[in-house]
Amino acid sequence: MKQFYGMSQRGDLKEAVRGLNRPQLIMLLSNSGQFAAHVEELEKLYPQVPSIGCIGMGYDTKVVEDGVAVIAFSDGVTAAANVLEQVSIMPVKYIDRLKKDLTAVGGSKRDTVCIDLCAGNDACVLTTLYSVLGTKGISLVGGTGDGGRVSANGKVYEDAVAYALVKNNNGRVKAYKENIYQQMGDHRFIASKTERSRYILGALNGRPAKEVYQEILQISEREITTQTFKNPFGKINGDDICIISIKEVSGNALACFRQVNDSDILIMLELGDYEQVVRETIEKIRGDFPRLSAVFSVNCLFRYKLFCENGYMDRYLREMSVLGKHAGFVGYGEHYNNRFVNQSMTCVAFE
């Protein structure tokens, strides 16, 4: 299979798709002002080609912050694109669409991946999607776009998740998740006074969450929302750790980007040697795929901001480019199989 990447910093879709011939799946990453127009124009340029899209920043070796980027697969791919609607209420109502698409694509865990672009309610969306994908062992990689809108096959949707099933007819696929954080000290907390609908973390070990976080890190209240770049929370999930980013202060509580429940066990995380972690990820992928066709990735907005602040973002993308065709987008939350994670990178490699 082949992966195409095109972009226009000025938002010219025709410029972004220049050289794109006979695509079998297209992913659109646009800006809020032009998103609907780009969705319509893309469908006219490539009618009947499966497509998904969202508002977000695309990248290969450079990031397109406010223009348009297009990622497409061709030459040996079988794909289907669709949408589950009403994700804030009952996405399972539309699950038969995914079942039918999976049958049509005819994929397996060895050669097929689901890529999703979500408008919100990620945890529920992933549980719904994976209720079907998990029975087949098919991996999922994706993330949340901006503005509460996604697109599928030339139509814009709100309160929905757009997904694409991609079967690599010429080899394997494999999903990866990269974590650049490690446990800080022996801090361990039991969460309480949570509000699931608002992702509120009220107390840690019975004390106000805001006070505990400030006390450990010796920071002021106004520093909390930037300190999370270096010190997010972690939720223990079997032998894995799900990163939980802090969104804002809410009284004596903390509002997070990921749901926390009463009695969840949390730990404090600290930033590790992220350059070494990236090198290890690259070597892992190269070791797994001596014959690599492409890598599609989703990087968290907070990782993007952290890397930019430390002057590492451009170098990061150059380092990832040694994998060959690497492209992706900056998300507001990352998806890895049935897990909704923060401040992470998820990706899928194609043989």
Protein backbone atom coordinates (compact mmCIF):
# COMPACT_ATOMS: atom_id res chain seq x y z
CA MET A 1 0.00 0.00 0.00
CA LYS A 2 0.97 3.63 -0.40
CA GLN A 3 0.31 6.65 1.83
CA PHE A 4 -0.11 10.11 0.33
CA TYR A 5 0.28 13.37 2.22
CA GLY A 6 -0.53 16.77 0.81
CA MET A 7 -1.16 20.12 2.41
CA SER A 8 -1.80 23.80 1.89
CA GLN A 9 -0.91 26.33 4.57
CA ARG A 10 -3.38 28.77 2.99
CA GLY A 11 -6.27 26.31 2.97
CA ASP A 12 -6.34 25.56 -0.77
CA LEU A 13 -7.70 22.02 -1.08
CA LYS A 14 -6.75 21.66 -4.75
CA GLU A 15 -3.17 22.45 -3.80
CA ALA A 16 -3.30 19.86 -1.00
CA VAL A 17 -4.51 17.03 -3.28
CA ARG A 18 -2.15 17.78 -6.14
CA GLY A 19 -0.71 14.46 -7.28
CA LEU A 20 -3.35 12.34 -5.52
CA ASN A 21 -4.52 9.73 -8.01
CA ARG A 22 -6.92 6.82 -7.51
CA PRO A 23 -7.11 6.96 -3.70
CA GLN A 24 -8.91 4.16 -1.87
CA LEU A 25 -9.38 6.12 1.37
CA ILE A 26 -9.00 9.84 2.14
CA MET A 27 -8.64 11.61 5.50
CA LEU A 28 -9.27 15.37 5.59
CA LEU A 29 -7.80 17.66 8.28
CA SER A 30 -9.14 21.18 7.90
CA ASN A 31 -9.62 24.45 9.76
CA SER A 32 -12.89 25.49 11.39
CA GLY A 33 -13.70 28.22 8.88
CA GLN A 34 -13.32 26.07 5.77
CA PHE A 35 -14.18 22.60 7.06
CA ALA A 36 -17.66 22.29 5.57
CA ALA A 37 -16.56 23.75 2.24
CA HIS A 38 -13.56 21.42 2.10
CA VAL A 39 -15.74 18.38 2.83
CA GLU A 40 -18.06 19.29 -0.05
CA GLU A 41 -15.19 20.07 -2.42
CA LEU A 42 -13.35 16.85 -1.60
CA GLU A 43 -16.44 14.78 -2.42
CA LYS A 44 -16.72 16.51 -5.80
CA LEU A 45 -13.04 15.91 -6.57
CA TYR A 46 -13.14 12.24 -5.51
CA PRO A 47 -16.76 11.05 -5.68
CA GLN A 48 -17.54 7.67 -4.15
CA VAL A 49 -14.09 7.39 -2.52
CA PRO A 50 -14.49 6.54 1.20
CA SER A 51 -13.46 9.53 3.31
CA ILE A 52 -13.44 10.79 6.89
CA GLY A 53 -12.42 14.16 8.26
CA CYS A 54 -12.26 16.53 11.19
CA ILE A 55 -11.06 19.96 12.24
CA GLY A 56 -7.42 19.61 13.23
CA MET A 57 -3.78 20.15 12.42
CA GLY A 58 -2.07 17.73 10.04
CA TYR A 59 1.61 16.94 9.68
CA ASP A 60 4.34 14.98 7.96
CA THR A 61 7.67 16.75 8.48
CA LYS A 62 5.90 20.07 9.23
CA VAL A 63 2.65 20.93 10.99
CA VAL A 64 -0.19 22.68 9.18
CA GLU A 65 -1.83 24.74 11.92
CA ASP A 66 -4.59 26.61 10.09
CA GLY A 67 -4.74 25.36 6.52
CA VAL A 68 -5.71 21.97 5.15
CA ALA A 69 -4.00 18.59 4.99
CA VAL A 70 -4.96 15.39 3.23
CA ILE A 71 -3.77 11.87 4.03
CA ALA A 72 -4.78 9.10 1.64
CA PHE A 73 -4.16 5.39 1.14
CA SER A 74 -3.98 3.65 -2.22
CA ASP A 75 -2.48 0.73 -4.14
CA GLY A 76 -3.54 -2.35 -2.23
CA VAL A 77 -6.09 -1.14 0.32
CA THR A 78 -9.69 -2.16 0.87
CA ALA A 79 -11.54 0.47 2.89
CA ALA A 80 -14.96 1.51 4.12
CA ALA A 81 -15.92 4.78 5.83
CA ASN A 82 -19.00 5.54 7.88
CA VAL A 83 -20.28 7.30 10.99
CA LEU A 84 -21.98 6.52 14.29
CA GLU A 85 -24.30 9.33 15.29
CA GLN A 86 -25.70 10.59 18.60
CA VAL A 87 -22.50 9.69 20.45
CA SER A 88 -23.51 11.75 23.48
CA ILE A 89 -26.72 9.75 23.83
CA MET A 90 -26.65 6.31 22.22
CA PRO A 91 -23.96 5.53 19.61
CA VAL A 92 -24.78 1.82 19.88
CA LYS A 93 -28.02 2.62 18.01
CA TYR A 94 -25.91 2.75 14.82
CA ILE A 95 -23.59 -0.18 15.49
CA ASP A 96 -25.03 -2.26 12.63
CA ARG A 97 -23.25 0.12 10.24
CA LEU A 98 -19.89 -0.98 11.64
CA LYS A 99 -20.88 -4.64 11.53
CA LYS A 100 -21.88 -4.40 7.87
CA ASP A 101 -18.74 -2.47 6.93
CA LEU A 102 -16.55 -5.02 8.69
CA THR A 103 -18.20 -7.82 6.72
CA ALA A 104 -17.76 -5.91 3.46
CA VAL A 105 -14.07 -5.20 4.08
CA GLY A 106 -13.47 -8.77 5.20
CA GLY A 107 -10.47 -7.98 7.34
CA SER A 108 -8.71 -9.73 10.20
CA LYS A 109 -6.56 -8.69 13.15
CA ARG A 110 -3.46 -9.35 11.06
CA ASP A 111 -4.23 -6.94 8.23
CA THR A 112 -6.99 -4.52 9.29
CA VAL A 113 -7.21 -1.42 11.48
CA CYS A 114 -10.02 0.97 12.37
CA ILE A 115 -9.12 4.69 12.28
CA ASP A 116 -11.62 6.98 13.99
CA LEU A 117 -12.10 10.74 14.22
CA CYS A 118 -14.41 11.68 17.08
CA ALA A 119 -16.47 14.73 18.04
CA GLY A 120 -16.68 13.87 21.75
CA ASN A 121 -17.83 11.42 24.44
CA ASP A 122 -14.76 9.38 23.58
CA ALA A 123 -14.95 6.74 26.31
CA CYS A 124 -18.47 5.70 25.34
CA VAL A 125 -17.57 5.79 21.64
CA LEU A 126 -14.59 3.49 22.12
CA THR A 127 -16.58 1.03 24.22
CA THR A 128 -19.19 0.94 21.44
CA LEU A 129 -16.73 0.54 18.58
CA TYR A 130 -14.67 -2.04 20.37
CA SER A 131 -17.71 -4.16 21.21
CA VAL A 132 -17.52 -5.15 17.53
CA LEU A 133 -13.83 -4.73 16.74
CA GLY A 134 -12.70 -6.62 19.84
CA THR A 135 -14.51 -9.80 18.80
CA LYS A 136 -12.33 -9.86 15.67
CA GLY A 137 -9.16 -8.67 17.42
CA ILE A 138 -9.00 -5.63 15.14
CA SER A 139 -7.01 -2.68 16.48
CA LEU A 140 -8.23 0.91 16.63
CA VAL A 141 -6.23 4.14 16.40
CA GLY A 142 -7.73 7.61 16.35
CA GLY A 143 -8.48 10.80 18.20
CA THR A 144 -10.77 13.74 18.84
CA GLY A 145 -11.02 16.67 16.46
CA ASP A 146 -11.89 20.27 17.25
CA GLY A 147 -15.20 22.08 16.99
CA GLY A 148 -17.54 19.14 17.65
CA ARG A 149 -17.77 18.24 13.94
CA VAL A 150 -16.55 15.34 11.82
CA SER A 151 -17.21 14.23 8.26
CA ALA A 152 -17.79 10.98 6.44
CA ASN A 153 -18.24 10.43 2.72
CA GLY A 154 -18.91 14.07 1.88
CA LYS A 155 -21.26 14.95 4.73
CA VAL A 156 -20.61 16.90 7.95
CA TYR A 157 -21.93 15.52 11.24
CA GLU A 158 -22.16 16.86 14.77
CA ASP A 159 -22.23 14.64 17.86
CA ALA A 160 -20.74 11.76 15.90
CA VAL A 161 -17.69 9.60 15.31
CA ALA A 162 -16.40 9.02 11.79
CA TYR A 163 -14.51 5.80 11.24
CA ALA A 164 -12.61 4.07 8.46
CA LEU A 165 -11.88 0.37 8.27
CA VAL A 166 -8.61 -0.14 6.40
CA LYS A 167 -7.48 -3.55 5.18
CA ASN A 168 -3.89 -3.81 3.98
CA ASN A 169 -4.08 -6.32 1.14
CA ASN A 170 -0.31 -6.65 0.94
CA GLY A 171 0.75 -7.22 4.54
CA ARG A 172 0.28 -6.73 8.25
CA VAL A 173 -0.82 -3.80 10.38
CA LYS A 174 0.02 -3.08 14.00
CA ALA A 175 -1.07 -0.38 16.45
CA TYR A 176 1.25 1.28 18.99
CA LYS A 177 0.89 3.66 21.94
CA GLU A 178 3.75 5.83 23.19
CA ASN A 179 3.98 7.15 26.77
CA ILE A 180 6.68 9.72 27.61
CA TYR A 181 5.78 9.82 31.34
CA GLN A 182 6.88 7.75 34.31
CA GLN A 183 5.72 7.43 37.90
CA MET A 184 6.81 10.23 40.23
CA GLY A 185 7.84 8.99 43.67
CA ASP A 186 5.44 6.74 45.52
CA HIS A 187 2.40 9.04 45.35
CA ARG A 188 -0.76 6.94 45.13
CA PHE A 189 -4.32 8.23 45.44
CA ILE A 190 -7.88 7.00 45.71
CA ALA A 191 -10.17 9.31 43.73
CA SER A 192 -13.48 10.50 45.21
CA LYS A 193 -16.10 13.25 44.84
CA THR A 194 -15.95 12.77 41.07
CA GLU A 195 -18.53 13.94 38.54
CA ARG A 196 -18.49 11.67 35.53
CA SER A 197 -20.37 14.01 33.19
CA ARG A 198 -17.98 16.91 33.79
CA TYR A 199 -14.80 14.83 34.25
CA ILE A 200 -14.40 16.36 37.71
CA LEU A 201 -11.83 14.99 40.16
CA GLY A 202 -12.93 16.33 43.53
CA ALA A 203 -10.70 14.67 46.11
CA LEU A 204 -7.55 12.57 46.43
CA ASN A 205 -7.28 10.42 49.53
CA GLY A 206 -10.12 12.46 51.01
CA ARG A 207 -8.48 15.86 50.50
CA PRO A 208 -9.34 18.51 47.87
CA ALA A 209 -7.64 17.49 44.62
CA LYS A 210 -6.42 21.00 43.83
CA GLU A 211 -4.67 21.34 47.20
CA VAL A 212 -3.00 17.93 46.92
CA TYR A 213 -1.67 18.68 43.43
CA GLN A 214 -0.35 22.11 44.45
CA GLU A 215 1.23 20.79 47.65
CA ILE A 216 3.16 17.99 45.96
CA LEU A 217 4.49 20.16 43.14
CA GLN A 218 4.82 23.40 45.13
CA ILE A 219 3.03 25.51 42.52
CA SER A 220 0.41 28.25 42.49
CA GLU A 221 -3.15 27.73 41.30
CA ARG A 222 -2.53 29.61 38.05
CA GLU A 223 0.33 27.23 37.19
CA ILE A 224 -1.79 24.07 37.38
CA THR A 225 -3.04 23.99 33.77
CA THR A 226 0.48 24.26 32.35
CA GLN A 227 2.12 22.04 34.97
CA THR A 228 0.02 19.16 33.65
CA PHE A 229 2.31 19.11 30.59
CA LYS A 230 5.03 17.82 32.93
CA ASN A 231 2.96 16.21 35.69
CA PRO A 232 -0.34 14.64 34.64
CA PHE A 233 -2.07 11.96 36.66
CA GLY A 234 -1.97 8.33 35.69
CA LYS A 235 -4.73 5.75 36.07
CA ILE A 236 -3.56 2.20 36.58
CA ASN A 237 -5.21 -0.06 34.01
CA GLY A 238 -3.88 -3.60 34.44
CA ASP A 239 -0.23 -3.49 33.42
CA ASP A 240 -0.70 -0.18 31.60
CA ILE A 241 -1.06 3.45 32.71
CA CYS A 242 -3.63 5.79 31.16
CA ILE A 243 -2.59 9.43 31.30
CA ILE A 244 -5.12 11.93 32.66
CA SER A 245 -4.54 15.59 31.80
CA ILE A 246 -5.86 18.48 33.83
CA LYS A 247 -8.11 20.87 31.92
CA GLU A 248 -8.83 23.54 34.52
CA VAL A 249 -9.41 24.32 38.17
CA SER A 250 -13.01 24.03 39.38
CA GLY A 251 -13.22 25.42 42.90
CA ASN A 252 -11.16 23.02 45.02
CA ALA A 253 -11.54 20.32 42.37
CA LEU A 254 -9.78 19.64 39.09
CA ALA A 255 -11.59 19.23 35.78
CA CYS A 256 -9.80 16.70 33.59
CA PHE A 257 -9.80 15.75 29.91
CA ARG A 258 -10.60 12.15 30.76
CA GLN A 259 -13.23 10.64 33.03
CA VAL A 260 -12.22 9.70 36.57
CA ASN A 261 -14.50 7.60 38.76
CA ASP A 262 -14.82 7.23 42.51
CA SER A 263 -12.36 4.63 43.87
CA ASP A 264 -10.08 4.83 40.80
CA ILE A 265 -6.43 4.38 41.77
CA LEU A 266 -4.32 7.27 40.51
CA ILE A 267 -0.60 7.99 40.58
CA MET A 268 1.41 11.14 39.88
CA LEU A 269 3.47 11.12 36.70
CA GLU A 270 6.50 13.10 35.63
CA LEU A 271 8.02 13.76 32.22
CA GLY A 272 10.68 11.25 31.27
CA ASP A 273 13.42 11.34 28.63
CA TYR A 274 11.00 11.79 25.76
CA GLU A 275 13.70 11.91 23.09
CA GLN A 276 14.90 8.47 24.16
CA VAL A 277 11.32 7.17 24.27
CA VAL A 278 10.76 8.37 20.69
CA ARG A 279 13.95 6.65 19.54
CA GLU A 280 12.81 3.42 21.20
CA THR A 281 9.41 3.64 19.49
CA ILE A 282 11.03 4.14 16.10
CA GLU A 283 13.34 1.17 16.61
CA LYS A 284 10.44 -0.98 17.81
CA ILE A 285 8.43 -0.23 14.66
CA ARG A 286 11.44 -0.79 12.40
CA GLY A 287 12.14 -4.07 14.13
CA ASP A 288 8.55 -5.23 13.72
CA PHE A 289 8.34 -4.09 10.10
CA PRO A 290 11.56 -4.51 8.08
CA ARG A 291 9.38 -3.77 5.03
CA LEU A 292 7.38 -0.72 6.07
CA SER A 293 4.90 1.03 3.78
CA ALA A 294 3.54 3.79 6.02
CA VAL A 295 2.81 5.04 9.53
CA PHE A 296 -0.28 7.05 10.48
CA SER A 297 -0.16 8.69 13.92
CA VAL A 298 -2.15 10.86 16.31
CA ASN A 299 -0.25 13.20 18.63
CA CYS A 300 -1.90 14.91 21.58
CA LEU A 301 -2.26 18.69 21.53
CA PHE A 302 -0.44 18.84 24.87
CA ARG A 303 2.49 16.84 23.45
CA TYR A 304 2.55 19.23 20.53
CA LYS A 305 2.65 22.24 22.87
CA LEU A 306 5.31 20.62 25.08
CA PHE A 307 7.50 19.72 22.11
CA CYS A 308 7.10 23.21 20.61
CA GLU A 309 7.98 24.92 23.90
CA ASN A 310 11.13 22.79 24.13
CA GLY A 311 12.09 23.35 20.48
CA TYR A 312 11.68 19.67 19.69
CA MET A 313 8.60 19.43 17.44
CA ASP A 314 10.30 19.88 14.08
CA ARG A 315 13.09 17.52 15.08
CA TYR A 316 10.53 14.99 16.32
CA LEU A 317 8.82 14.94 12.94
CA ARG A 318 12.17 14.64 11.15
CA GLU A 319 13.09 11.69 13.36
CA MET A 320 9.75 9.99 12.69
CA SER A 321 10.29 10.51 8.95
CA VAL A 322 13.03 7.86 8.97
CA LEU A 323 10.14 5.39 9.05
CA GLY A 324 9.37 6.46 5.49
CA LYS A 325 5.88 7.75 4.85
CA HIS A 326 4.79 9.13 8.23
CA ALA A 327 1.82 11.48 8.58
CA GLY A 328 -0.91 12.21 11.08
CA PHE A 329 -2.81 14.84 13.01
CA VAL A 330 -2.82 16.65 16.36
CA GLY A 331 -5.76 15.47 18.45
CA TYR A 332 -7.56 16.53 21.61
CA GLY A 333 -7.50 12.99 22.97
CA GLU A 334 -5.98 9.81 21.61
CA HIS A 335 -7.59 6.43 21.03
CA TYR A 336 -5.86 3.09 21.32
CA ASN A 337 -8.10 0.04 20.95
CA ASN A 338 -10.73 0.53 23.68
CA ARG A 339 -8.72 3.13 25.62
CA PHE A 340 -9.15 6.89 25.65
CA VAL A 341 -5.79 8.37 26.63
CA ASN A 342 -4.28 11.85 27.06
CA GLN A 343 -0.86 13.34 26.33
CA SER A 344 0.11 10.30 24.28
CA MET A 345 0.91 9.27 20.72
CA THR A 346 -0.91 6.42 19.06
CA CYS A 347 -0.13 5.12 15.61
CA VAL A 348 -0.62 2.29 13.15
CA ALA A 349 2.13 0.84 10.98
CA PHE A 350 1.46 -0.80 7.63
CA GLU A 351 3.72 -3.47 6.17
